[in-house]
Amino acid sequence: MSLSRKLMVHVLLVLMLFAVVTPATAASGNTNEVTRGTAEFSIPANQCPLLPAGMSVSGSGERLTITNTHPKADGTVEVRTNDLIKGTATDSNGDVHKFVYHNSSTLTIPTSGDYSISMNDTFDLSGPGPHFSVSFNWRWTFPSLELLWPPSGDNWEQLHGNPDDIFLCDPL
């Protein structure tokens, strides 16, 4: 799954939550939402430079997403989302691996001005044969939820992560 598609999944989760966080809801206090499910991924052969040439990997795991919404006294709403997926993956040689994916984001929804988001994302694949870890830490601002993705111009900052590895090797 491409990084833009992956981020869009998290953005949609946050937007769905934001849709129910009206001023009346925000005035009532914090909300906490826990979602469980499954997730699948596939890394095609020759896509990820951290895998041997010709090797593909696919896997599935159990997902736990926790979203906490916190309205602040000034009217700003902070939405923190933690998404954790643990599971197994099989490479094209038949070897079985374990993987762990974690994405943590904080979306700040102001009463006026630019929205902001800070996101940390890690994908670890371990087992016999190839294993790797890729991660990023980005933050960016945007004028409306409709313009959340993709970050553009000078409104975003890459704090950590190699974009080539992220876009090609982080499938979730």
N, C-alpha and C. Protein backbone atom coordinates (compact mmCIF):
# COMPACT_ATOMS: atom_id res chain seq x y z
N MET A 1 0.85 -1.16 0.00
CA MET A 1 0.00 0.00 0.00
C MET A 1 0.90 1.23 0.00
N SER A 2 0.60 2.20 -0.83
CA SER A 2 1.43 3.39 -0.91
C SER A 2 1.29 4.22 0.36
N LEU A 3 2.30 5.06 0.60
CA LEU A 3 2.28 5.90 1.79
C LEU A 3 1.08 6.82 1.77
N SER A 4 0.76 7.39 0.61
CA SER A 4 -0.40 8.29 0.56
C SER A 4 -1.68 7.54 0.89
N ARG A 5 -1.79 6.32 0.45
CA ARG A 5 -2.97 5.52 0.75
C ARG A 5 -3.00 5.16 2.23
N LYS A 6 -1.85 4.83 2.78
CA LYS A 6 -1.74 4.49 4.20
C LYS A 6 -2.13 5.69 5.06
N LEU A 7 -1.61 6.85 4.74
CA LEU A 7 -1.94 8.04 5.50
C LEU A 7 -3.41 8.38 5.36
N MET A 8 -3.96 8.13 4.17
CA MET A 8 -5.36 8.42 3.95
C MET A 8 -6.24 7.56 4.85
N VAL A 9 -5.84 6.31 5.11
CA VAL A 9 -6.59 5.45 6.03
C VAL A 9 -6.64 6.09 7.40
N HIS A 10 -5.48 6.56 7.90
CA HIS A 10 -5.45 7.20 9.21
C HIS A 10 -6.22 8.51 9.20
N VAL A 11 -6.10 9.25 8.14
CA VAL A 11 -6.82 10.50 8.03
C VAL A 11 -8.32 10.25 8.05
N LEU A 12 -8.77 9.24 7.33
CA LEU A 12 -10.20 8.93 7.32
C LEU A 12 -10.69 8.53 8.71
N LEU A 13 -9.89 7.76 9.45
CA LEU A 13 -10.26 7.43 10.83
C LEU A 13 -10.44 8.70 11.65
N VAL A 14 -9.50 9.62 11.52
CA VAL A 14 -9.56 10.87 12.27
C VAL A 14 -10.75 11.71 11.81
N LEU A 15 -10.97 11.77 10.50
CA LEU A 15 -12.10 12.56 9.98
C LEU A 15 -13.43 12.00 10.44
N MET A 16 -13.55 10.66 10.47
CA MET A 16 -14.78 10.07 10.96
C MET A 16 -15.01 10.46 12.42
N LEU A 17 -13.96 10.45 13.20
CA LEU A 17 -14.08 10.85 14.59
C LEU A 17 -14.41 12.33 14.68
N PHE A 18 -13.78 13.14 13.84
CA PHE A 18 -14.02 14.58 13.86
C PHE A 18 -15.48 14.88 13.51
N ALA A 19 -16.05 14.07 12.63
CA ALA A 19 -17.43 14.29 12.24
C ALA A 19 -18.37 14.18 13.43
N VAL A 20 -18.03 13.38 14.43
CA VAL A 20 -18.87 13.25 15.60
C VAL A 20 -18.42 14.16 16.74
N VAL A 21 -17.32 14.87 16.56
CA VAL A 21 -16.86 15.80 17.58
C VAL A 21 -17.35 17.20 17.22
N THR A 22 -18.61 17.44 17.50
CA THR A 22 -19.21 18.75 17.27
C THR A 22 -18.91 19.62 18.47
N PRO A 23 -19.18 20.90 18.41
CA PRO A 23 -18.95 21.74 19.59
C PRO A 23 -19.68 21.21 20.83
N ALA A 24 -20.89 20.68 20.66
CA ALA A 24 -21.61 20.14 21.81
C ALA A 24 -20.89 18.93 22.39
N THR A 25 -20.38 18.07 21.52
CA THR A 25 -19.63 16.90 21.98
C THR A 25 -18.34 17.33 22.65
N ALA A 26 -17.65 18.29 22.02
CA ALA A 26 -16.39 18.76 22.58
C ALA A 26 -16.60 19.35 23.97
N ALA A 27 -17.71 20.05 24.17
CA ALA A 27 -17.98 20.64 25.46
C ALA A 27 -18.20 19.59 26.53
N SER A 28 -18.63 18.39 26.12
CA SER A 28 -18.92 17.35 27.10
C SER A 28 -17.67 16.65 27.60
N GLY A 29 -16.52 16.85 26.96
CA GLY A 29 -15.30 16.25 27.47
C GLY A 29 -14.62 15.31 26.51
N ASN A 30 -13.73 14.52 27.06
CA ASN A 30 -12.91 13.61 26.27
C ASN A 30 -13.74 12.44 25.74
N THR A 31 -13.29 11.92 24.60
CA THR A 31 -13.86 10.67 24.09
C THR A 31 -12.71 9.71 23.84
N ASN A 32 -12.98 8.43 24.02
CA ASN A 32 -12.01 7.38 23.78
C ASN A 32 -12.68 6.30 22.95
N GLU A 33 -12.05 5.92 21.87
CA GLU A 33 -12.60 4.89 20.99
C GLU A 33 -11.56 3.81 20.76
N VAL A 34 -11.95 2.56 20.94
CA VAL A 34 -11.07 1.42 20.70
C VAL A 34 -11.69 0.58 19.59
N THR A 35 -10.89 0.30 18.55
CA THR A 35 -11.36 -0.48 17.41
C THR A 35 -10.41 -1.65 17.21
N ARG A 36 -10.97 -2.83 17.03
CA ARG A 36 -10.17 -4.03 16.74
C ARG A 36 -10.56 -4.56 15.38
N GLY A 37 -9.60 -5.15 14.69
CA GLY A 37 -9.87 -5.72 13.37
C GLY A 37 -8.65 -6.46 12.86
N THR A 38 -8.62 -6.67 11.58
CA THR A 38 -7.48 -7.32 10.94
C THR A 38 -6.96 -6.41 9.84
N ALA A 39 -5.74 -6.67 9.43
CA ALA A 39 -5.12 -5.91 8.34
C ALA A 39 -4.24 -6.86 7.54
N GLU A 40 -4.16 -6.61 6.25
CA GLU A 40 -3.32 -7.40 5.35
C GLU A 40 -2.40 -6.47 4.59
N PHE A 41 -1.27 -7.01 4.12
CA PHE A 41 -0.37 -6.22 3.30
C PHE A 41 0.34 -7.13 2.31
N SER A 42 0.92 -6.50 1.31
CA SER A 42 1.73 -7.20 0.32
C SER A 42 2.81 -6.25 -0.17
N ILE A 43 4.03 -6.75 -0.23
CA ILE A 43 5.14 -6.01 -0.83
C ILE A 43 5.55 -6.81 -2.07
N PRO A 44 5.25 -6.31 -3.27
CA PRO A 44 5.59 -7.05 -4.50
C PRO A 44 7.09 -7.22 -4.68
N ALA A 45 7.46 -8.24 -5.42
CA ALA A 45 8.87 -8.50 -5.74
C ALA A 45 9.48 -7.27 -6.40
N ASN A 46 10.70 -6.98 -6.04
CA ASN A 46 11.51 -5.89 -6.60
C ASN A 46 10.99 -4.49 -6.28
N GLN A 47 10.06 -4.37 -5.35
CA GLN A 47 9.59 -3.04 -4.95
C GLN A 47 10.46 -2.45 -3.85
N CYS A 48 10.74 -3.24 -2.82
CA CYS A 48 11.48 -2.76 -1.65
C CYS A 48 12.96 -3.08 -1.78
N PRO A 49 13.81 -2.06 -1.82
CA PRO A 49 15.25 -2.32 -1.95
C PRO A 49 15.87 -2.99 -0.72
N LEU A 50 15.13 -3.08 0.38
CA LEU A 50 15.64 -3.74 1.58
C LEU A 50 15.42 -5.25 1.56
N LEU A 51 14.69 -5.74 0.56
CA LEU A 51 14.49 -7.18 0.36
C LEU A 51 15.38 -7.66 -0.79
N PRO A 52 15.77 -8.93 -0.78
CA PRO A 52 16.56 -9.45 -1.90
C PRO A 52 15.79 -9.34 -3.22
N ALA A 53 16.51 -9.20 -4.31
CA ALA A 53 15.90 -9.09 -5.64
C ALA A 53 14.98 -10.28 -5.87
N GLY A 54 13.79 -9.99 -6.39
CA GLY A 54 12.83 -11.04 -6.73
C GLY A 54 11.97 -11.51 -5.58
N MET A 55 12.22 -11.04 -4.36
CA MET A 55 11.45 -11.52 -3.20
C MET A 55 10.23 -10.64 -2.95
N SER A 56 9.10 -11.29 -2.73
CA SER A 56 7.88 -10.61 -2.30
C SER A 56 7.54 -11.07 -0.89
N VAL A 57 6.72 -10.29 -0.20
CA VAL A 57 6.30 -10.63 1.16
C VAL A 57 4.83 -10.21 1.30
N SER A 58 4.04 -11.09 1.92
CA SER A 58 2.66 -10.73 2.24
C SER A 58 2.34 -11.23 3.62
N GLY A 59 1.43 -10.54 4.28
CA GLY A 59 1.10 -10.93 5.64
C GLY A 59 -0.23 -10.39 6.11
N SER A 60 -0.61 -10.82 7.29
CA SER A 60 -1.83 -10.32 7.91
C SER A 60 -1.64 -10.34 9.42
N GLY A 61 -2.43 -9.51 10.10
CA GLY A 61 -2.30 -9.42 11.54
C GLY A 61 -3.52 -8.82 12.20
N GLU A 62 -3.47 -8.79 13.51
CA GLU A 62 -4.53 -8.22 14.33
C GLU A 62 -4.24 -6.75 14.57
N ARG A 63 -5.26 -5.92 14.37
CA ARG A 63 -5.13 -4.47 14.49
C ARG A 63 -5.87 -3.99 15.74
N LEU A 64 -5.24 -3.06 16.44
CA LEU A 64 -5.85 -2.36 17.57
C LEU A 64 -5.63 -0.88 17.35
N THR A 65 -6.71 -0.12 17.25
CA THR A 65 -6.62 1.33 17.07
C THR A 65 -7.31 2.00 18.25
N ILE A 66 -6.60 2.91 18.88
CA ILE A 66 -7.14 3.67 20.01
C ILE A 66 -7.10 5.14 19.63
N THR A 67 -8.25 5.78 19.71
CA THR A 67 -8.35 7.20 19.37
C THR A 67 -8.90 7.95 20.57
N ASN A 68 -8.15 8.93 21.03
CA ASN A 68 -8.55 9.77 22.16
C ASN A 68 -8.73 11.19 21.67
N THR A 69 -9.88 11.77 22.00
CA THR A 69 -10.17 13.15 21.63
C THR A 69 -10.26 13.98 22.89
N HIS A 70 -9.54 15.10 22.88
CA HIS A 70 -9.46 15.95 24.06
C HIS A 70 -9.73 17.40 23.68
N PRO A 71 -10.90 17.91 24.05
CA PRO A 71 -11.16 19.34 23.83
C PRO A 71 -10.43 20.16 24.90
N LYS A 72 -9.86 21.25 24.46
CA LYS A 72 -9.12 22.12 25.40
C LYS A 72 -9.96 23.35 25.73
N ALA A 73 -9.56 24.04 26.79
CA ALA A 73 -10.31 25.20 27.27
C ALA A 73 -10.45 26.29 26.21
N ASP A 74 -9.45 26.42 25.31
CA ASP A 74 -9.51 27.47 24.28
C ASP A 74 -10.34 27.07 23.07
N GLY A 75 -10.95 25.88 23.10
CA GLY A 75 -11.78 25.41 21.99
C GLY A 75 -11.05 24.51 21.01
N THR A 76 -9.73 24.46 21.10
CA THR A 76 -8.95 23.57 20.26
C THR A 76 -9.27 22.12 20.63
N VAL A 77 -9.31 21.24 19.63
CA VAL A 77 -9.53 19.81 19.88
C VAL A 77 -8.28 19.07 19.44
N GLU A 78 -7.80 18.18 20.30
CA GLU A 78 -6.64 17.36 19.99
C GLU A 78 -7.10 15.91 19.85
N VAL A 79 -6.76 15.30 18.71
CA VAL A 79 -7.14 13.91 18.45
C VAL A 79 -5.86 13.09 18.34
N ARG A 80 -5.68 12.17 19.29
CA ARG A 80 -4.50 11.29 19.28
C ARG A 80 -4.95 9.90 18.87
N THR A 81 -4.27 9.37 17.85
CA THR A 81 -4.60 8.04 17.34
C THR A 81 -3.36 7.16 17.40
N ASN A 82 -3.52 5.98 17.99
CA ASN A 82 -2.46 4.97 18.01
C ASN A 82 -3.00 3.73 17.32
N ASP A 83 -2.28 3.30 16.29
CA ASP A 83 -2.68 2.16 15.49
C ASP A 83 -1.56 1.12 15.57
N LEU A 84 -1.86 -0.07 16.07
CA LEU A 84 -0.89 -1.13 16.25
C LEU A 84 -1.37 -2.38 15.53
N ILE A 85 -0.50 -2.97 14.70
CA ILE A 85 -0.81 -4.22 14.01
C ILE A 85 0.34 -5.18 14.23
N LYS A 86 0.03 -6.39 14.71
CA LYS A 86 1.03 -7.44 14.89
C LYS A 86 0.54 -8.67 14.14
N GLY A 87 1.48 -9.34 13.44
CA GLY A 87 1.08 -10.53 12.73
C GLY A 87 2.24 -11.29 12.13
N THR A 88 1.90 -12.15 11.19
CA THR A 88 2.90 -12.96 10.50
C THR A 88 2.86 -12.67 9.01
N ALA A 89 3.99 -12.91 8.38
CA ALA A 89 4.13 -12.68 6.95
C ALA A 89 4.92 -13.84 6.36
N THR A 90 4.68 -14.11 5.09
CA THR A 90 5.39 -15.17 4.39
C THR A 90 6.06 -14.56 3.16
N ASP A 91 7.35 -14.87 2.97
CA ASP A 91 8.03 -14.37 1.78
C ASP A 91 7.90 -15.39 0.65
N SER A 92 8.34 -15.00 -0.53
CA SER A 92 8.19 -15.85 -1.72
C SER A 92 9.07 -17.09 -1.67
N ASN A 93 9.97 -17.19 -0.69
CA ASN A 93 10.76 -18.41 -0.48
C ASN A 93 10.06 -19.36 0.49
N GLY A 94 8.93 -18.94 1.03
CA GLY A 94 8.19 -19.77 1.98
C GLY A 94 8.56 -19.55 3.43
N ASP A 95 9.51 -18.65 3.70
CA ASP A 95 9.90 -18.38 5.08
C ASP A 95 8.84 -17.52 5.77
N VAL A 96 8.60 -17.82 7.06
CA VAL A 96 7.60 -17.10 7.83
C VAL A 96 8.30 -16.08 8.73
N HIS A 97 7.76 -14.88 8.76
CA HIS A 97 8.30 -13.75 9.50
C HIS A 97 7.24 -13.22 10.46
N LYS A 98 7.68 -12.46 11.44
CA LYS A 98 6.78 -11.68 12.28
C LYS A 98 6.90 -10.23 11.84
N PHE A 99 5.80 -9.50 11.98
CA PHE A 99 5.88 -8.07 11.71
C PHE A 99 5.12 -7.30 12.79
N VAL A 100 5.56 -6.07 12.99
CA VAL A 100 4.89 -5.14 13.89
C VAL A 100 4.83 -3.80 13.17
N TYR A 101 3.63 -3.23 13.13
CA TYR A 101 3.41 -1.91 12.54
C TYR A 101 2.84 -1.03 13.64
N HIS A 102 3.34 0.20 13.74
CA HIS A 102 2.79 1.14 14.70
C HIS A 102 2.76 2.53 14.08
N ASN A 103 1.60 3.18 14.19
CA ASN A 103 1.45 4.56 13.74
C ASN A 103 0.82 5.33 14.88
N SER A 104 1.44 6.44 15.22
CA SER A 104 0.94 7.31 16.27
C SER A 104 0.83 8.72 15.70
N SER A 105 -0.35 9.32 15.81
CA SER A 105 -0.50 10.67 15.27
C SER A 105 -1.27 11.54 16.25
N THR A 106 -0.99 12.83 16.17
CA THR A 106 -1.72 13.83 16.94
C THR A 106 -2.19 14.90 15.97
N LEU A 107 -3.51 15.02 15.86
CA LEU A 107 -4.13 16.03 15.01
C LEU A 107 -4.66 17.13 15.91
N THR A 108 -4.28 18.37 15.62
CA THR A 108 -4.77 19.52 16.37
C THR A 108 -5.76 20.29 15.49
N ILE A 109 -6.98 20.42 16.00
CA ILE A 109 -8.05 21.10 15.27
C ILE A 109 -8.34 22.40 16.01
N PRO A 110 -7.85 23.53 15.46
CA PRO A 110 -8.02 24.81 16.17
C PRO A 110 -9.40 25.41 15.92
N THR A 111 -9.76 26.39 16.72
CA THR A 111 -11.01 27.12 16.48
C THR A 111 -10.86 28.04 15.27
N SER A 112 -9.63 28.46 15.00
CA SER A 112 -9.34 29.25 13.80
C SER A 112 -7.87 29.03 13.46
N GLY A 113 -7.51 29.27 12.22
CA GLY A 113 -6.12 29.10 11.80
C GLY A 113 -5.88 27.71 11.24
N ASP A 114 -4.61 27.38 11.06
CA ASP A 114 -4.23 26.13 10.43
C ASP A 114 -4.34 24.93 11.36
N TYR A 115 -4.78 23.82 10.79
CA TYR A 115 -4.75 22.53 11.47
C TYR A 115 -3.30 22.05 11.45
N SER A 116 -2.96 21.13 12.35
CA SER A 116 -1.61 20.56 12.32
C SER A 116 -1.69 19.09 12.71
N ILE A 117 -0.72 18.32 12.20
CA ILE A 117 -0.64 16.91 12.54
C ILE A 117 0.82 16.54 12.70
N SER A 118 1.08 15.67 13.65
CA SER A 118 2.40 15.10 13.86
C SER A 118 2.23 13.59 13.81
N MET A 119 3.08 12.90 13.04
CA MET A 119 2.89 11.47 12.83
C MET A 119 4.21 10.73 12.92
N ASN A 120 4.22 9.64 13.70
CA ASN A 120 5.33 8.70 13.78
C ASN A 120 4.82 7.37 13.26
N ASP A 121 5.61 6.70 12.43
CA ASP A 121 5.18 5.47 11.79
C ASP A 121 6.37 4.52 11.70
N THR A 122 6.16 3.25 12.09
CA THR A 122 7.22 2.26 12.05
C THR A 122 6.67 0.93 11.54
N PHE A 123 7.43 0.27 10.66
CA PHE A 123 7.12 -1.08 10.20
C PHE A 123 8.38 -1.92 10.38
N ASP A 124 8.26 -3.02 11.16
CA ASP A 124 9.38 -3.93 11.41
C ASP A 124 9.02 -5.32 10.90
N LEU A 125 9.91 -5.90 10.12
CA LEU A 125 9.76 -7.27 9.64
C LEU A 125 10.96 -8.06 10.16
N SER A 126 10.70 -9.18 10.85
CA SER A 126 11.80 -9.98 11.39
C SER A 126 11.53 -11.45 11.15
N GLY A 127 12.59 -12.23 11.13
CA GLY A 127 12.46 -13.67 10.93
C GLY A 127 13.68 -14.22 10.24
N PRO A 128 13.56 -15.44 9.71
CA PRO A 128 14.69 -16.02 9.00
C PRO A 128 14.92 -15.27 7.69
N GLY A 129 16.13 -15.11 7.32
CA GLY A 129 16.41 -14.41 6.06
C GLY A 129 16.24 -12.92 6.23
N PRO A 130 15.63 -12.26 5.25
CA PRO A 130 15.58 -10.80 5.28
C PRO A 130 14.73 -10.27 6.43
N HIS A 131 15.24 -9.23 7.04
CA HIS A 131 14.48 -8.50 8.04
C HIS A 131 14.89 -7.04 7.94
N PHE A 132 13.95 -6.14 8.23
CA PHE A 132 14.24 -4.72 8.14
C PHE A 132 13.27 -3.93 9.00
N SER A 133 13.60 -2.67 9.19
CA SER A 133 12.75 -1.73 9.90
C SER A 133 12.79 -0.40 9.16
N VAL A 134 11.62 0.17 8.91
CA VAL A 134 11.54 1.51 8.31
C VAL A 134 10.62 2.35 9.18
N SER A 135 10.93 3.63 9.26
CA SER A 135 10.10 4.51 10.08
C SER A 135 10.21 5.94 9.58
N PHE A 136 9.22 6.74 9.98
CA PHE A 136 9.29 8.16 9.70
C PHE A 136 8.63 8.93 10.83
N ASN A 137 8.99 10.20 10.91
CA ASN A 137 8.41 11.15 11.85
C ASN A 137 8.23 12.43 11.05
N TRP A 138 6.97 12.76 10.76
CA TRP A 138 6.65 13.95 9.98
C TRP A 138 5.66 14.81 10.74
N ARG A 139 5.66 16.10 10.43
CA ARG A 139 4.61 16.98 10.92
C ARG A 139 4.33 18.02 9.84
N TRP A 140 3.08 18.44 9.78
CA TRP A 140 2.71 19.43 8.78
C TRP A 140 1.46 20.17 9.21
N THR A 141 1.22 21.30 8.56
CA THR A 141 0.04 22.13 8.80
C THR A 141 -0.74 22.24 7.49
N PHE A 142 -2.03 22.56 7.64
CA PHE A 142 -2.89 22.68 6.47
C PHE A 142 -4.10 23.53 6.84
N PRO A 143 -4.68 24.27 5.88
CA PRO A 143 -5.73 25.22 6.20
C PRO A 143 -7.11 24.61 6.43
N SER A 144 -7.37 23.40 5.92
CA SER A 144 -8.67 22.76 6.12
C SER A 144 -8.51 21.25 6.04
N LEU A 145 -9.46 20.52 6.60
CA LEU A 145 -9.38 19.06 6.58
C LEU A 145 -9.39 18.51 5.15
N GLU A 146 -10.00 19.23 4.23
CA GLU A 146 -10.02 18.80 2.83
C GLU A 146 -8.62 18.84 2.21
N LEU A 147 -7.72 19.63 2.78
CA LEU A 147 -6.37 19.78 2.24
C LEU A 147 -5.32 19.06 3.09
N LEU A 148 -5.77 18.10 3.89
CA LEU A 148 -4.86 17.39 4.78
C LEU A 148 -3.75 16.67 4.03
N TRP A 149 -4.08 15.96 2.98
CA TRP A 149 -3.10 15.16 2.25
C TRP A 149 -3.17 15.47 0.78
N PRO A 150 -2.07 15.57 0.09
CA PRO A 150 -0.69 15.40 0.57
C PRO A 150 -0.12 16.71 1.10
N PRO A 151 0.84 16.62 2.04
CA PRO A 151 1.53 17.83 2.46
C PRO A 151 2.20 18.47 1.25
N SER A 152 2.16 19.77 1.16
CA SER A 152 2.76 20.42 -0.01
C SER A 152 3.47 21.70 0.40
N GLY A 153 4.27 22.18 -0.51
CA GLY A 153 4.98 23.43 -0.28
C GLY A 153 5.85 23.36 0.95
N ASP A 154 5.82 24.44 1.72
CA ASP A 154 6.68 24.50 2.91
C ASP A 154 5.89 24.26 4.19
N ASN A 155 4.72 23.60 4.09
CA ASN A 155 3.89 23.39 5.27
C ASN A 155 4.17 22.07 5.99
N TRP A 156 5.25 21.37 5.63
CA TRP A 156 5.55 20.11 6.30
C TRP A 156 7.03 19.97 6.55
N GLU A 157 7.34 19.16 7.54
CA GLU A 157 8.72 18.95 7.95
C GLU A 157 8.95 17.46 8.16
N GLN A 158 9.98 16.95 7.54
CA GLN A 158 10.38 15.56 7.73
C GLN A 158 11.44 15.54 8.81
N LEU A 159 11.10 14.99 9.96
CA LEU A 159 12.01 14.96 11.08
C LEU A 159 12.91 13.74 11.06
N HIS A 160 12.40 12.64 10.50
CA HIS A 160 13.15 11.39 10.47
C HIS A 160 12.57 10.50 9.37
N GLY A 161 13.43 9.74 8.71
CA GLY A 161 12.97 8.74 7.75
C GLY A 161 13.49 8.98 6.35
N ASN A 162 13.86 7.89 5.69
CA ASN A 162 14.31 7.92 4.31
C ASN A 162 13.08 7.74 3.40
N PRO A 163 12.67 8.76 2.65
CA PRO A 163 11.47 8.64 1.84
C PRO A 163 11.49 7.46 0.87
N ASP A 164 12.65 7.12 0.30
CA ASP A 164 12.70 5.99 -0.63
C ASP A 164 12.30 4.70 0.06
N ASP A 165 12.84 4.44 1.24
CA ASP A 165 12.49 3.23 1.98
C ASP A 165 11.04 3.26 2.44
N ILE A 166 10.59 4.42 2.90
CA ILE A 166 9.22 4.55 3.41
C ILE A 166 8.22 4.24 2.30
N PHE A 167 8.35 4.91 1.17
CA PHE A 167 7.38 4.73 0.10
C PHE A 167 7.41 3.33 -0.50
N LEU A 168 8.55 2.65 -0.46
CA LEU A 168 8.68 1.36 -1.12
C LEU A 168 8.58 0.16 -0.17
N CYS A 169 8.88 0.35 1.11
CA CYS A 169 9.00 -0.79 2.02
C CYS A 169 8.02 -0.82 3.18
N ASP A 170 7.28 0.26 3.41
CA ASP A 170 6.32 0.31 4.50
C ASP A 170 4.93 0.10 3.91
N PRO A 171 4.40 -1.13 3.98
CA PRO A 171 3.17 -1.45 3.26
C PRO A 171 1.88 -1.10 3.96
N LEU A 172 1.94 -0.69 5.22
CA LEU A 172 0.68 -0.44 5.95
C LEU A 172 0.46 1.03 6.23
